[in-house]
Amino acid sequence: MLTSRAAILALVVCVIALSLAYPLREYVMQQSQIAQLKEDRARMEENVAHLQEREEALGDEAFVEREARARLHYQYPEETAYIVIRPESEAEAEADPAEPTEPWFTELWRTVEEADSPDPDAGP
């Protein structure tokens, strides 16, 4: 049996445990939040470094000229630009839905015949 001293000791231990539970939970939550913020900061620092590199590249006249030629198809007035158009692949040509396999009137006549025939699933 528990003596009164043991019961009081157990009660004191429970009170101390309960009083420490909330601050401990807050501490753990704050530590996880700090870790998340450190990851966010590292990711943002990488993004800033990438943007600074991009800014330096855009300050270079040779890079800007190269990008204008490649992406915008700019050229100097004395130059002649040629754009090569690649032919369609055979798979794309076969899968073209614009080309019907049968003439339109054959498809029309087939739908008329289907509408004329009684539907076996329909009720009386």
PDB file of N, CA and C in Angstrom:
ATOM      1  N   MET A   1       0.819  -1.180   0.000  1.00  0.00           N
ATOM      2  CA  MET A   1       0.000   0.000   0.000  1.00  0.00           C
ATOM      3  C   MET A   1       0.870   1.253   0.000  1.00  0.00           C
ATOM      4  N   LEU A   2       0.283   2.249  -0.564  1.00  0.00           N
ATOM      5  CA  LEU A   2       1.007   3.512  -0.601  1.00  0.00           C
ATOM      6  C   LEU A   2       0.858   4.255   0.718  1.00  0.00           C
ATOM      7  N   THR A   3       1.937   4.753   1.144  1.00  0.00           N
ATOM      8  CA  THR A   3       1.883   5.582   2.338  1.00  0.00           C
ATOM      9  C   THR A   3       1.558   7.007   1.923  1.00  0.00           C
ATOM     10  N   SER A   4       1.263   7.812   2.843  1.00  0.00           N
ATOM     11  CA  SER A   4       0.912   9.197   2.520  1.00  0.00           C
ATOM     12  C   SER A   4       2.112   9.945   1.930  1.00  0.00           C
ATOM     13  N   ARG A   5       3.311   9.614   2.386  1.00  0.00           N
ATOM     14  CA  ARG A   5       4.513  10.255   1.841  1.00  0.00           C
ATOM     15  C   ARG A   5       4.718   9.868   0.379  1.00  0.00           C
ATOM     16  N   ALA A   6       4.511   8.589   0.055  1.00  0.00           N
ATOM     17  CA  ALA A   6       4.671   8.124  -1.326  1.00  0.00           C
ATOM     18  C   ALA A   6       3.616   8.750  -2.227  1.00  0.00           C
ATOM     19  N   ALA A   7       2.407   8.899  -1.727  1.00  0.00           N
ATOM     20  CA  ALA A   7       1.337   9.512  -2.511  1.00  0.00           C
ATOM     21  C   ALA A   7       1.649  10.975  -2.777  1.00  0.00           C
ATOM     22  N   ILE A   8       2.144  11.672  -1.776  1.00  0.00           N
ATOM     23  CA  ILE A   8       2.503  13.084  -1.953  1.00  0.00           C
ATOM     24  C   ILE A   8       3.673  13.206  -2.921  1.00  0.00           C
ATOM     25  N   LEU A   9       4.644  12.310  -2.809  1.00  0.00           N
ATOM     26  CA  LEU A   9       5.784  12.323  -3.724  1.00  0.00           C
ATOM     27  C   LEU A   9       5.323  12.076  -5.160  1.00  0.00           C
ATOM     28  N   ALA A  10       4.426  11.127  -5.350  1.00  0.00           N
ATOM     29  CA  ALA A  10       3.900  10.839  -6.691  1.00  0.00           C
ATOM     30  C   ALA A  10       3.140  12.040  -7.229  1.00  0.00           C
ATOM     31  N   LEU A  11       2.379  12.710  -6.384  1.00  0.00           N
ATOM     32  CA  LEU A  11       1.633  13.892  -6.788  1.00  0.00           C
ATOM     33  C   LEU A  11       2.580  15.021  -7.188  1.00  0.00           C
ATOM     34  N   VAL A  12       3.644  15.220  -6.430  1.00  0.00           N
ATOM     35  CA  VAL A  12       4.629  16.266  -6.738  1.00  0.00           C
ATOM     36  C   VAL A  12       5.332  15.960  -8.061  1.00  0.00           C
ATOM     37  N   VAL A  13       5.689  14.705  -8.276  1.00  0.00           N
ATOM     38  CA  VAL A  13       6.343  14.315  -9.535  1.00  0.00           C
ATOM     39  C   VAL A  13       5.405  14.567 -10.714  1.00  0.00           C
ATOM     40  N   CYS A  14       4.129  14.247 -10.570  1.00  0.00           N
ATOM     41  CA  CYS A  14       3.154  14.477 -11.649  1.00  0.00           C
ATOM     42  C   CYS A  14       3.000  15.966 -11.936  1.00  0.00           C
ATOM     43  N   VAL A  15       2.944  16.776 -10.906  1.00  0.00           N
ATOM     44  CA  VAL A  15       2.811  18.227 -11.088  1.00  0.00           C
ATOM     45  C   VAL A  15       4.041  18.787 -11.789  1.00  0.00           C
ATOM     46  N   ILE A  16       5.214  18.338 -11.394  1.00  0.00           N
ATOM     47  CA  ILE A  16       6.449  18.803 -12.042  1.00  0.00           C
ATOM     48  C   ILE A  16       6.474  18.365 -13.505  1.00  0.00           C
ATOM     49  N   ALA A  17       6.078  17.127 -13.783  1.00  0.00           N
ATOM     50  CA  ALA A  17       6.063  16.626 -15.163  1.00  0.00           C
ATOM     51  C   ALA A  17       5.079  17.424 -16.013  1.00  0.00           C
ATOM     52  N   LEU A  18       3.905  17.710 -15.458  1.00  0.00           N
ATOM     53  CA  LEU A  18       2.916  18.490 -16.203  1.00  0.00           C
ATOM     54  C   LEU A  18       3.369  19.930 -16.409  1.00  0.00           C
ATOM     55  N   SER A  19       4.056  20.487 -15.427  1.00  0.00           N
ATOM     56  CA  SER A  19       4.521  21.867 -15.576  1.00  0.00           C
ATOM     57  C   SER A  19       5.665  21.973 -16.584  1.00  0.00           C
ATOM     58  N   LEU A  20       6.406  20.899 -16.783  1.00  0.00           N
ATOM     59  CA  LEU A  20       7.503  20.916 -17.756  1.00  0.00           C
ATOM     60  C   LEU A  20       7.064  20.491 -19.157  1.00  0.00           C
ATOM     61  N   ALA A  21       5.914  19.886 -19.292  1.00  0.00           N
ATOM     62  CA  ALA A  21       5.482  19.358 -20.587  1.00  0.00           C
ATOM     63  C   ALA A  21       5.257  20.470 -21.609  1.00  0.00           C
ATOM     64  N   TYR A  22       4.552  21.525 -21.241  1.00  0.00           N
ATOM     65  CA  TYR A  22       4.253  22.596 -22.191  1.00  0.00           C
ATOM     66  C   TYR A  22       5.515  23.338 -22.642  1.00  0.00           C
ATOM     67  N   PRO A  23       6.396  23.770 -21.736  1.00  0.00           N
ATOM     68  CA  PRO A  23       7.625  24.426 -22.204  1.00  0.00           C
ATOM     69  C   PRO A  23       8.500  23.509 -23.068  1.00  0.00           C
ATOM     70  N   LEU A  24       8.522  22.226 -22.727  1.00  0.00           N
ATOM     71  CA  LEU A  24       9.305  21.292 -23.532  1.00  0.00           C
ATOM     72  C   LEU A  24       8.721  21.172 -24.934  1.00  0.00           C
ATOM     73  N   ARG A  25       7.396  21.110 -25.034  1.00  0.00           N
ATOM     74  CA  ARG A  25       6.749  21.041 -26.342  1.00  0.00           C
ATOM     75  C   ARG A  25       7.038  22.304 -27.157  1.00  0.00           C
ATOM     76  N   GLU A  26       6.978  23.455 -26.525  1.00  0.00           N
ATOM     77  CA  GLU A  26       7.283  24.719 -27.203  1.00  0.00           C
ATOM     78  C   GLU A  26       8.735  24.744 -27.672  1.00  0.00           C
ATOM     79  N   TYR A  27       9.632  24.238 -26.867  1.00  0.00           N
ATOM     80  CA  TYR A  27      11.049  24.193 -27.232  1.00  0.00           C
ATOM     81  C   TYR A  27      11.258  23.336 -28.475  1.00  0.00           C
ATOM     82  N   VAL A  28      10.629  22.166 -28.505  1.00  0.00           N
ATOM     83  CA  VAL A  28      10.775  21.267 -29.657  1.00  0.00           C
ATOM     84  C   VAL A  28      10.189  21.913 -30.908  1.00  0.00           C
ATOM     85  N   MET A  29       9.037  22.572 -30.774  1.00  0.00           N
ATOM     86  CA  MET A  29       8.426  23.234 -31.930  1.00  0.00           C
ATOM     87  C   MET A  29       9.310  24.368 -32.437  1.00  0.00           C
ATOM     88  N   GLN A  30       9.903  25.123 -31.534  1.00  0.00           N
ATOM     89  CA  GLN A  30      10.783  26.214 -31.936  1.00  0.00           C
ATOM     90  C   GLN A  30      12.034  25.694 -32.633  1.00  0.00           C
ATOM     91  N   GLN A  31      12.571  24.589 -32.165  1.00  0.00           N
ATOM     92  CA  GLN A  31      13.750  24.016 -32.809  1.00  0.00           C
ATOM     93  C   GLN A  31      13.432  23.563 -34.232  1.00  0.00           C
ATOM     94  N   SER A  32      12.267  22.954 -34.430  1.00  0.00           N
ATOM     95  CA  SER A  32      11.900  22.533 -35.786  1.00  0.00           C
ATOM     96  C   SER A  32      11.644  23.748 -36.673  1.00  0.00           C
ATOM     97  N   GLN A  33      11.078  24.802 -36.109  1.00  0.00           N
ATOM     98  CA  GLN A  33      10.849  26.018 -36.878  1.00  0.00           C
ATOM     99  C   GLN A  33      12.183  26.672 -37.253  1.00  0.00           C
ATOM    100  N   ILE A  34      13.134  26.669 -36.345  1.00  0.00           N
ATOM    101  CA  ILE A  34      14.458  27.222 -36.640  1.00  0.00           C
ATOM    102  C   ILE A  34      15.126  26.438 -37.763  1.00  0.00           C
ATOM    103  N   ALA A  35      15.021  25.122 -37.726  1.00  0.00           N
ATOM    104  CA  ALA A  35      15.611  24.298 -38.786  1.00  0.00           C
ATOM    105  C   ALA A  35      14.953  24.603 -40.130  1.00  0.00           C
ATOM    106  N   GLN A  36      13.632  24.762 -40.143  1.00  0.00           N
ATOM    107  CA  GLN A  36      12.922  25.087 -41.382  1.00  0.00           C
ATOM    108  C   GLN A  36      13.348  26.455 -41.917  1.00  0.00           C
ATOM    109  N   LEU A  37      13.489  27.421 -41.036  1.00  0.00           N
ATOM    110  CA  LEU A  37      13.911  28.755 -41.453  1.00  0.00           C
ATOM    111  C   LEU A  37      15.341  28.748 -41.990  1.00  0.00           C
ATOM    112  N   LYS A  38      16.208  27.924 -41.412  1.00  0.00           N
ATOM    113  CA  LYS A  38      17.576  27.819 -41.931  1.00  0.00           C
ATOM    114  C   LYS A  38      17.576  27.234 -43.338  1.00  0.00           C
ATOM    115  N   GLU A  39      16.728  26.232 -43.575  1.00  0.00           N
ATOM    116  CA  GLU A  39      16.623  25.658 -44.921  1.00  0.00           C
ATOM    117  C   GLU A  39      16.097  26.695 -45.906  1.00  0.00           C
ATOM    118  N   ASP A  40      15.086  27.457 -45.492  1.00  0.00           N
ATOM    119  CA  ASP A  40      14.538  28.500 -46.359  1.00  0.00           C
ATOM    120  C   ASP A  40      15.590  29.554 -46.679  1.00  0.00           C
ATOM    121  N   ARG A  41      16.363  29.922 -45.667  1.00  0.00           N
ATOM    122  CA  ARG A  41      17.402  30.931 -45.881  1.00  0.00           C
ATOM    123  C   ARG A  41      18.462  30.423 -46.862  1.00  0.00           C
ATOM    124  N   ALA A  42      18.875  29.165 -46.717  1.00  0.00           N
ATOM    125  CA  ALA A  42      19.872  28.603 -47.629  1.00  0.00           C
ATOM    126  C   ALA A  42      19.329  28.573 -49.056  1.00  0.00           C
ATOM    127  N   ARG A  43      18.060  28.193 -49.197  1.00  0.00           N
ATOM    128  CA  ARG A  43      17.455  28.146 -50.525  1.00  0.00           C
ATOM    129  C   ARG A  43      17.376  29.552 -51.140  1.00  0.00           C
ATOM    130  N   MET A  44      17.032  30.538 -50.328  1.00  0.00           N
ATOM    131  CA  MET A  44      16.948  31.912 -50.830  1.00  0.00           C
ATOM    132  C   MET A  44      18.322  32.472 -51.165  1.00  0.00           C
ATOM    133  N   GLU A  45      19.328  32.104 -50.391  1.00  0.00           N
ATOM    134  CA  GLU A  45      20.687  32.554 -50.710  1.00  0.00           C
ATOM    135  C   GLU A  45      21.153  31.970 -52.037  1.00  0.00           C
ATOM    136  N   GLU A  46      20.807  30.706 -52.304  1.00  0.00           N
ATOM    137  CA  GLU A  46      21.129  30.111 -53.600  1.00  0.00           C
ATOM    138  C   GLU A  46      20.415  30.854 -54.719  1.00  0.00           C
ATOM    139  N   ASN A  47      19.160  31.209 -54.485  1.00  0.00           N
ATOM    140  CA  ASN A  47      18.390  31.927 -55.491  1.00  0.00           C
ATOM    141  C   ASN A  47      18.996  33.308 -55.749  1.00  0.00           C
ATOM    142  N   VAL A  48      19.421  33.985 -54.698  1.00  0.00           N
ATOM    143  CA  VAL A  48      20.050  35.297 -54.846  1.00  0.00           C
ATOM    144  C   VAL A  48      21.353  35.168 -55.629  1.00  0.00           C
ATOM    145  N   ALA A  49      22.136  34.148 -55.337  1.00  0.00           N
ATOM    146  CA  ALA A  49      23.393  33.941 -56.067  1.00  0.00           C
ATOM    147  C   ALA A  49      23.116  33.686 -57.545  1.00  0.00           C
ATOM    148  N   HIS A  50      22.095  32.891 -57.830  1.00  0.00           N
ATOM    149  CA  HIS A  50      21.733  32.621 -59.226  1.00  0.00           C
ATOM    150  C   HIS A  50      21.291  33.910 -59.919  1.00  0.00           C
ATOM    151  N   LEU A  51      20.496  34.724 -59.237  1.00  0.00           N
ATOM    152  CA  LEU A  51      20.032  35.975 -59.834  1.00  0.00           C
ATOM    153  C   LEU A  51      21.177  36.961 -60.031  1.00  0.00           C
ATOM    154  N   GLN A  52      22.156  36.967 -59.127  1.00  0.00           N
ATOM    155  CA  GLN A  52      23.315  37.840 -59.300  1.00  0.00           C
ATOM    156  C   GLN A  52      24.146  37.403 -60.502  1.00  0.00           C
ATOM    157  N   GLU A  53      24.299  36.083 -60.684  1.00  0.00           N
ATOM    158  CA  GLU A  53      25.014  35.585 -61.863  1.00  0.00           C
ATOM    159  C   GLU A  53      24.280  35.981 -63.136  1.00  0.00           C
ATOM    160  N   ARG A  54      22.962  35.886 -63.109  1.00  0.00           N
ATOM    161  CA  ARG A  54      22.150  36.256 -64.275  1.00  0.00           C
ATOM    162  C   ARG A  54      22.289  37.749 -64.562  1.00  0.00           C
ATOM    163  N   GLU A  55      22.319  38.566 -63.506  1.00  0.00           N
ATOM    164  CA  GLU A  55      22.479  40.007 -63.678  1.00  0.00           C
ATOM    165  C   GLU A  55      23.843  40.330 -64.293  1.00  0.00           C
ATOM    166  N   GLU A  56      24.884  39.650 -63.827  1.00  0.00           N
ATOM    167  CA  GLU A  56      26.218  39.867 -64.393  1.00  0.00           C
ATOM    168  C   GLU A  56      26.262  39.448 -65.854  1.00  0.00           C
ATOM    169  N   ALA A  57      25.598  38.337 -66.183  1.00  0.00           N
ATOM    170  CA  ALA A  57      25.585  37.871 -67.569  1.00  0.00           C
ATOM    171  C   ALA A  57      24.837  38.855 -68.458  1.00  0.00           C
ATOM    172  N   LEU A  58      23.752  39.422 -67.957  1.00  0.00           N
ATOM    173  CA  LEU A  58      22.991  40.377 -68.761  1.00  0.00           C
ATOM    174  C   LEU A  58      23.733  41.695 -68.934  1.00  0.00           C
ATOM    175  N   GLY A  59      24.705  41.964 -68.085  1.00  0.00           N
ATOM    176  CA  GLY A  59      25.524  43.151 -68.242  1.00  0.00           C
ATOM    177  C   GLY A  59      26.574  42.989 -69.329  1.00  0.00           C
ATOM    178  N   ASP A  60      26.835  41.774 -69.759  1.00  0.00           N
ATOM    179  CA  ASP A  60      27.829  41.492 -70.791  1.00  0.00           C
ATOM    180  C   ASP A  60      27.192  41.667 -72.168  1.00  0.00           C
ATOM    181  N   GLU A  61      27.771  42.534 -72.987  1.00  0.00           N
ATOM    182  CA  GLU A  61      27.212  42.819 -74.316  1.00  0.00           C
ATOM    183  C   GLU A  61      27.222  41.592 -75.225  1.00  0.00           C
ATOM    184  N   ALA A  62      28.243  40.772 -75.127  1.00  0.00           N
ATOM    185  CA  ALA A  62      28.319  39.577 -75.979  1.00  0.00           C
ATOM    186  C   ALA A  62      27.197  38.598 -75.629  1.00  0.00           C
ATOM    187  N   PHE A  63      26.905  38.464 -74.351  1.00  0.00           N
ATOM    188  CA  PHE A  63      25.819  37.570 -73.936  1.00  0.00           C
ATOM    189  C   PHE A  63      24.474  38.086 -74.430  1.00  0.00           C
ATOM    190  N   VAL A  64      24.249  39.388 -74.316  1.00  0.00           N
ATOM    191  CA  VAL A  64      22.980  39.968 -74.764  1.00  0.00           C
ATOM    192  C   VAL A  64      22.822  39.784 -76.268  1.00  0.00           C
ATOM    193  N   GLU A  65      23.900  39.995 -77.016  1.00  0.00           N
ATOM    194  CA  GLU A  65      23.831  39.808 -78.470  1.00  0.00           C
ATOM    195  C   GLU A  65      23.544  38.351 -78.822  1.00  0.00           C
ATOM    196  N   ARG A  66      24.210  37.437 -78.146  1.00  0.00           N
ATOM    197  CA  ARG A  66      24.001  36.012 -78.405  1.00  0.00           C
ATOM    198  C   ARG A  66      22.553  35.604 -78.100  1.00  0.00           C
ATOM    199  N   GLU A  67      22.020  36.093 -76.979  1.00  0.00           N
ATOM    200  CA  GLU A  67      20.628  35.779 -76.628  1.00  0.00           C
ATOM    201  C   GLU A  67      19.653  36.388 -77.628  1.00  0.00           C
ATOM    202  N   ALA A  68      19.918  37.610 -78.078  1.00  0.00           N
ATOM    203  CA  ALA A  68      19.029  38.254 -79.049  1.00  0.00           C
ATOM    204  C   ALA A  68      19.031  37.492 -80.368  1.00  0.00           C
ATOM    205  N   ARG A  69      20.162  36.988 -80.773  1.00  0.00           N
ATOM    206  CA  ARG A  69      20.223  36.208 -82.015  1.00  0.00           C
ATOM    207  C   ARG A  69      19.531  34.856 -81.859  1.00  0.00           C
ATOM    208  N   ALA A  70      19.760  34.190 -80.745  1.00  0.00           N
ATOM    209  CA  ALA A  70      19.225  32.838 -80.566  1.00  0.00           C
ATOM    210  C   ALA A  70      17.735  32.849 -80.251  1.00  0.00           C
ATOM    211  N   ARG A  71      17.317  33.706 -79.343  1.00  0.00           N
ATOM    212  CA  ARG A  71      15.927  33.642 -78.884  1.00  0.00           C
ATOM    213  C   ARG A  71      14.994  34.537 -79.679  1.00  0.00           C
ATOM    214  N   LEU A  72      15.469  35.694 -80.108  1.00  0.00           N
ATOM    215  CA  LEU A  72      14.595  36.646 -80.787  1.00  0.00           C
ATOM    216  C   LEU A  72      14.834  36.701 -82.293  1.00  0.00           C
ATOM    217  N   HIS A  73      15.824  35.956 -82.771  1.00  0.00           N
ATOM    218  CA  HIS A  73      16.173  35.895 -84.199  1.00  0.00           C
ATOM    219  C   HIS A  73      16.536  37.280 -84.750  1.00  0.00           C
ATOM    220  N   TYR A  74      17.240  38.077 -83.939  1.00  0.00           N
ATOM    221  CA  TYR A  74      17.719  39.366 -84.409  1.00  0.00           C
ATOM    222  C   TYR A  74      18.938  39.140 -85.285  1.00  0.00           C
ATOM    223  N   GLN A  75      19.180  40.102 -86.159  1.00  0.00           N
ATOM    224  CA  GLN A  75      20.345  40.032 -87.032  1.00  0.00           C
ATOM    225  C   GLN A  75      20.757  41.444 -87.405  1.00  0.00           C
ATOM    226  N   TYR A  76      21.985  41.566 -87.896  1.00  0.00           N
ATOM    227  CA  TYR A  76      22.443  42.853 -88.387  1.00  0.00           C
ATOM    228  C   TYR A  76      21.864  43.079 -89.775  1.00  0.00           C
ATOM    229  N   PRO A  77      21.740  44.348 -90.195  1.00  0.00           N
ATOM    230  CA  PRO A  77      21.105  44.625 -91.495  1.00  0.00           C
ATOM    231  C   PRO A  77      21.806  43.970 -92.685  1.00  0.00           C
ATOM    232  N   GLU A  78      23.108  43.816 -92.649  1.00  0.00           N
ATOM    233  CA  GLU A  78      23.825  43.232 -93.790  1.00  0.00           C
ATOM    234  C   GLU A  78      23.792  41.709 -93.798  1.00  0.00           C
ATOM    235  N   GLU A  79      23.242  41.086 -92.769  1.00  0.00           N
ATOM    236  CA  GLU A  79      23.191  39.630 -92.684  1.00  0.00           C
ATOM    237  C   GLU A  79      21.865  39.104 -93.232  1.00  0.00           C
ATOM    238  N   THR A  80      21.915  37.864 -93.713  1.00  0.00           N
ATOM    239  CA  THR A  80      20.707  37.183 -94.164  1.00  0.00           C
ATOM    240  C   THR A  80      20.454  36.016 -93.220  1.00  0.00           C
ATOM    241  N   ALA A  81      19.249  35.958 -92.687  1.00  0.00           N
ATOM    242  CA  ALA A  81      18.913  34.899 -91.738  1.00  0.00           C
ATOM    243  C   ALA A  81      18.143  33.797 -92.448  1.00  0.00           C
ATOM    244  N   TYR A  82      18.469  32.575 -92.114  1.00  0.00           N
ATOM    245  CA  TYR A  82      17.761  31.419 -92.649  1.00  0.00           C
ATOM    246  C   TYR A  82      17.203  30.614 -91.483  1.00  0.00           C
ATOM    247  N   ILE A  83      15.946  30.243 -91.598  1.00  0.00           N
ATOM    248  CA  ILE A  83      15.313  29.412 -90.578  1.00  0.00           C
ATOM    249  C   ILE A  83      14.939  28.099 -91.241  1.00  0.00           C
ATOM    250  N   VAL A  84      15.458  27.024 -90.710  1.00  0.00           N
ATOM    251  CA  VAL A  84      15.204  25.701 -91.261  1.00  0.00           C
ATOM    252  C   VAL A  84      13.951  25.137 -90.601  1.00  0.00           C
ATOM    253  N   ILE A  85      12.994  24.750 -91.432  1.00  0.00           N
ATOM    254  CA  ILE A  85      11.766  24.150 -90.929  1.00  0.00           C
ATOM    255  C   ILE A  85      11.893  22.650 -91.106  1.00  0.00           C
ATOM    256  N   ARG A  86      11.793  21.939 -90.018  1.00  0.00           N
ATOM    257  CA  ARG A  86      11.935  20.489 -90.069  1.00  0.00           C
ATOM    258  C   ARG A  86      10.630  19.861 -90.540  1.00  0.00           C
ATOM    259  N   PRO A  87      10.722  18.817 -91.367  1.00  0.00           N
ATOM    260  CA  PRO A  87       9.483  18.148 -91.793  1.00  0.00           C
ATOM    261  C   PRO A  87       8.863  17.389 -90.630  1.00  0.00           C
ATOM    262  N   GLU A  88       7.561  17.159 -90.737  1.00  0.00           N
ATOM    263  CA  GLU A  88       6.869  16.420 -89.685  1.00  0.00           C
ATOM    264  C   GLU A  88       7.364  14.985 -89.659  1.00  0.00           C
ATOM    265  N   SER A  89       7.375  14.433 -88.488  1.00  0.00           N
ATOM    266  CA  SER A  89       7.760  13.032 -88.392  1.00  0.00           C
ATOM    267  C   SER A  89       6.615  12.171 -88.902  1.00  0.00           C
ATOM    268  N   GLU A  90       6.914  10.932 -89.244  1.00  0.00           N
ATOM    269  CA  GLU A  90       5.896  10.046 -89.799  1.00  0.00           C
ATOM    270  C   GLU A  90       4.808   9.734 -88.784  1.00  0.00           C
ATOM    271  N   ALA A  91       5.159   9.645 -87.526  1.00  0.00           N
ATOM    272  CA  ALA A  91       4.164   9.341 -86.492  1.00  0.00           C
ATOM    273  C   ALA A  91       3.150  10.474 -86.369  1.00  0.00           C
ATOM    274  N   GLU A  92       3.603  11.720 -86.475  1.00  0.00           N
ATOM    275  CA  GLU A  92       2.684  12.847 -86.397  1.00  0.00           C
ATOM    276  C   GLU A  92       1.805  12.911 -87.630  1.00  0.00           C
ATOM    277  N   ALA A  93       2.348  12.569 -88.783  1.00  0.00           N
ATOM    278  CA  ALA A  93       1.562  12.607 -90.009  1.00  0.00           C
ATOM    279  C   ALA A  93       0.477  11.538 -89.995  1.00  0.00           C
ATOM    280  N   GLU A  94       0.763  10.360 -89.434  1.00  0.00           N
ATOM    281  CA  GLU A  94      -0.228   9.291 -89.379  1.00  0.00           C
ATOM    282  C   GLU A  94      -1.318   9.593 -88.365  1.00  0.00           C
ATOM    283  N   ALA A  95      -0.989  10.260 -87.299  1.00  0.00           N
ATOM    284  CA  ALA A  95      -1.948  10.520 -86.237  1.00  0.00           C
ATOM    285  C   ALA A  95      -2.743  11.802 -86.464  1.00  0.00           C
ATOM    286  N   ASP A  96      -2.672  12.391 -87.647  1.00  0.00           N
ATOM    287  CA  ASP A  96      -3.364  13.634 -87.948  1.00  0.00           C
ATOM    288  C   ASP A  96      -4.868  13.392 -88.009  1.00  0.00           C
ATOM    289  N   PRO A  97      -5.653  13.949 -87.095  1.00  0.00           N
ATOM    290  CA  PRO A  97      -7.092  13.705 -87.101  1.00  0.00           C
ATOM    291  C   PRO A  97      -7.820  14.505 -88.172  1.00  0.00           C
ATOM    292  N   ALA A  98      -7.162  15.475 -88.801  1.00  0.00           N
ATOM    293  CA  ALA A  98      -7.817  16.278 -89.826  1.00  0.00           C
ATOM    294  C   ALA A  98      -8.075  15.463 -91.092  1.00  0.00           C
ATOM    295  N   GLU A  99      -7.358  14.404 -91.301  1.00  0.00           N
ATOM    296  CA  GLU A  99      -7.528  13.571 -92.485  1.00  0.00           C
ATOM    297  C   GLU A  99      -8.471  12.420 -92.179  1.00  0.00           C
ATOM    298  N   PRO A 100      -9.718  12.449 -92.678  1.00  0.00           N
ATOM    299  CA  PRO A 100     -10.640  11.339 -92.407  1.00  0.00           C
ATOM    300  C   PRO A 100     -10.247  10.096 -93.193  1.00  0.00           C
ATOM    301  N   THR A 101     -10.564   8.949 -92.632  1.00  0.00           N
ATOM    302  CA  THR A 101     -10.230   7.693 -93.307  1.00  0.00           C
ATOM    303  C   THR A 101     -11.261   7.337 -94.363  1.00  0.00           C
ATOM    304  N   GLU A 102     -12.504   7.785 -94.189  1.00  0.00           N
ATOM    305  CA  GLU A 102     -13.563   7.518 -95.161  1.00  0.00           C
ATOM    306  C   GLU A 102     -14.124   8.843 -95.653  1.00  0.00           C
ATOM    307  N   PRO A 103     -14.762   8.858 -96.830  1.00  0.00           N
ATOM    308  CA  PRO A 103     -15.407  10.093 -97.289  1.00  0.00           C
ATOM    309  C   PRO A 103     -16.551  10.482 -96.346  1.00  0.00           C
ATOM    310  N   TRP A 104     -16.894  11.737 -96.336  1.00  0.00           N
ATOM    311  CA  TRP A 104     -17.906  12.240 -95.412  1.00  0.00           C
ATOM    312  C   TRP A 104     -19.270  11.632 -95.658  1.00  0.00           C
ATOM    313  N   PHE A 105     -19.611  11.391 -96.924  1.00  0.00           N
ATOM    314  CA  PHE A 105     -20.945  10.865 -97.220  1.00  0.00           C
ATOM    315  C   PHE A 105     -21.094   9.419 -96.754  1.00  0.00           C
ATOM    316  N   THR A 106     -19.987   8.662 -96.736  1.00  0.00           N
ATOM    317  CA  THR A 106     -20.050   7.293 -96.227  1.00  0.00           C
ATOM    318  C   THR A 106     -20.312   7.309 -94.720  1.00  0.00           C
ATOM    319  N   GLU A 107     -19.668   8.198 -94.028  1.00  0.00           N
ATOM    320  CA  GLU A 107     -19.892   8.343 -92.586  1.00  0.00           C
ATOM    321  C   GLU A 107     -21.324   8.796 -92.311  1.00  0.00           C
ATOM    322  N   LEU A 108     -21.840   9.715 -93.114  1.00  0.00           N
ATOM    323  CA  LEU A 108     -23.215  10.182 -92.949  1.00  0.00           C
ATOM    324  C   LEU A 108     -24.209   9.046 -93.156  1.00  0.00           C
ATOM    325  N   TRP A 109     -24.026   8.264 -94.221  1.00  0.00           N
ATOM    326  CA  TRP A 109     -24.941   7.158 -94.504  1.00  0.00           C
ATOM    327  C   TRP A 109     -24.901   6.101 -93.393  1.00  0.00           C
ATOM    328  N   ARG A 110     -23.730   5.857 -92.844  1.00  0.00           N
ATOM    329  CA  ARG A 110     -23.618   4.887 -91.756  1.00  0.00           C
ATOM    330  C   ARG A 110     -24.393   5.351 -90.522  1.00  0.00           C
ATOM    331  N   THR A 111     -24.315   6.631 -90.178  1.00  0.00           N
ATOM    332  CA  THR A 111     -25.067   7.134 -89.026  1.00  0.00           C
ATOM    333  C   THR A 111     -26.563   7.090 -89.268  1.00  0.00           C
ATOM    334  N   VAL A 112     -27.007   7.289 -90.524  1.00  0.00           N
ATOM    335  CA  VAL A 112     -28.436   7.182 -90.841  1.00  0.00           C
ATOM    336  C   VAL A 112     -28.901   5.747 -90.656  1.00  0.00           C
ATOM    337  N   GLU A 113     -28.103   4.795 -91.101  1.00  0.00           N
ATOM    338  CA  GLU A 113     -28.469   3.387 -90.944  1.00  0.00           C
ATOM    339  C   GLU A 113     -28.509   2.988 -89.468  1.00  0.00           C
ATOM    340  N   GLU A 114     -27.580   3.490 -88.676  1.00  0.00           N
ATOM    341  CA  GLU A 114     -27.583   3.189 -87.244  1.00  0.00           C
ATOM    342  C   GLU A 114     -28.810   3.776 -86.563  1.00  0.00           C
ATOM    343  N   ALA A 115     -29.221   4.967 -86.971  1.00  0.00           N
ATOM    344  CA  ALA A 115     -30.403   5.589 -86.381  1.00  0.00           C
ATOM    345  C   ALA A 115     -31.671   4.855 -86.787  1.00  0.00           C
ATOM    346  N   ASP A 116     -31.682   4.252 -87.985  1.00  0.00           N
ATOM    347  CA  ASP A 116     -32.864   3.553 -88.485  1.00  0.00           C
ATOM    348  C   ASP A 116     -33.035   2.188 -87.832  1.00  0.00           C
ATOM    349  N   SER A 117     -31.941   1.543 -87.469  1.00  0.00           N
ATOM    350  CA  SER A 117     -32.054   0.206 -86.890  1.00  0.00           C
ATOM    351  C   SER A 117     -32.505   0.309 -85.438  1.00  0.00           C
ATOM    352  N   PRO A 118     -33.390  -0.617 -84.996  1.00  0.00           N
ATOM    353  CA  PRO A 118     -33.865  -0.553 -83.608  1.00  0.00           C
ATOM    354  C   PRO A 118     -32.744  -0.931 -82.640  1.00  0.00           C
ATOM    355  N   ASP A 119     -32.757  -0.291 -81.506  1.00  0.00           N
ATOM    356  CA  ASP A 119     -31.743  -0.538 -80.483  1.00  0.00           C
ATOM    357  C   ASP A 119     -32.192  -1.708 -79.616  1.00  0.00           C
ATOM    358  N   PRO A 120     -31.400  -2.777 -79.531  1.00  0.00           N
ATOM    359  CA  PRO A 120     -31.835  -3.935 -78.749  1.00  0.00           C
ATOM    360  C   PRO A 120     -31.862  -3.657 -77.241  1.00  0.00           C
ATOM    361  N   ASP A 121     -31.102  -2.662 -76.766  1.00  0.00           N
ATOM    362  CA  ASP A 121     -31.067  -2.359 -75.337  1.00  0.00           C
ATOM    363  C   ASP A 121     -32.228  -1.479 -74.898  1.00  0.00           C
ATOM    364  N   ALA A 122     -32.883  -0.798 -75.853  1.00  0.00           N
ATOM    365  CA  ALA A 122     -33.964   0.124 -75.494  1.00  0.00           C
ATOM    366  C   ALA A 122     -35.218  -0.646 -75.121  1.00  0.00           C
ATOM    367  N   GLY A 123     -35.970  -0.108 -74.210  1.00  0.00           N
ATOM    368  CA  GLY A 123     -37.209  -0.753 -73.770  1.00  0.00           C
ATOM    369  C   GLY A 123     -38.344  -0.486 -74.747  1.00  0.00           C
ATOM    370  N   PRO A 124     -39.548  -1.093 -74.539  1.00  0.00           N
ATOM    371  CA  PRO A 124     -40.678  -0.902 -75.464  1.00  0.00           C
ATOM    372  C   PRO A 124     -41.279   0.469 -75.414  1.00  0.00           C
TER     373      PRO A 124
END
